[in-house]
């Protein structure tokens, strides 16, 4: 077995060609080389993540997501930045990203910068193509999950007026790639006490809805729903209206959404101690929502259920309101609801109007 001995200063000094070169000078040169290698390793090119180029020339780096109208960049320690796509020139991804196009196509592709307002998609399988921002429905969309909100309001008055008013609403929804589900419920209770009189209920109303939509195309969908209402003051033990039909999603962005629906169903009314009515009905509805300002949104819904047995048998309800964000989770909302039932309980009116104000929490 042979052992290799490390050179010492006397050995190096004896090597031809480097006579007179000191040992410490050689070691200093080796040290400089080692330091240079470390510096290059630490400061050389590294993956910087996805990159966004704004129209003003600024650049952002991080993980990008987009919902078709806004682009969010998660920079890590520096936080998240949300930019309107109209202010973005182009962007690119460091790794292949999940891309959903407006025509419903889903693919995994590397995103390269493109001309102003466009990007280049390079999927693992298929041709490379340049697409406009308007053709992007989502990039790296978040996983499908349930979201919802709770809204509570009320008034308590004592003195010349003795009254209690309470309202609460809750909704849950989930939106997938090809379907969406929604549940919502609302309860309103109001009681008033006159001088020398017991407290009497003036409003006691509970409403619930459940709806499922399945998208056959990015815009056309079929739906199934059931709606129910119990109104003590109107002597309505229950009004239930299941239905089936189709809808068309004209717009579906955060700034503006609009969809219309048409179908058939069944309208059943059970009055408190005074019999019932039932009929097959048609259904027409629309839902519109817009955000004219960053933290302000307005909405309007309309639904009409004409009985197919006779024109005089119908029911419709509508609402319109405004919502203002206080924080990312907290908001306040005011809306007006109007209902008209052509076949109310005996001794009761056909119409009801409600003005509802409350504070809500998103989750």
Foldseek 3Di string as FASTA:
>chain_A
DDDDDDDDQVVVCPDPPCPPPGPVVVVVVVVVVVVVVVVCVVPPDDDQFKWWAWPVGDIDHAHWKDQLFWIWHQNDPVGIDIGGLVGTQWIWGPAWKWWAWLFLDIATFGWATDGGQWIWTHGPDDDIDIDGSNGTRMINDDDKDKKKKKWKDWDADDDQWGKIKIKIKIKIKIDDSFKIKIKMKIWIWMWTAHVPGDIDTPWTKIKIKIKMWGHPTSFKIKMWMKIKMDTVVLQWRMKMKTWIWMKTWPDDDAAKTKMKIKTKIKIKTQGNVQGIDIAIWIKIKMKMKHDPDDFKIKIKIKMKTAGPVDRLFIKIKMKIWMKGDPDPFKIKIWMKIKIAGSDTGPPGHGMDIDIDITMMTMD
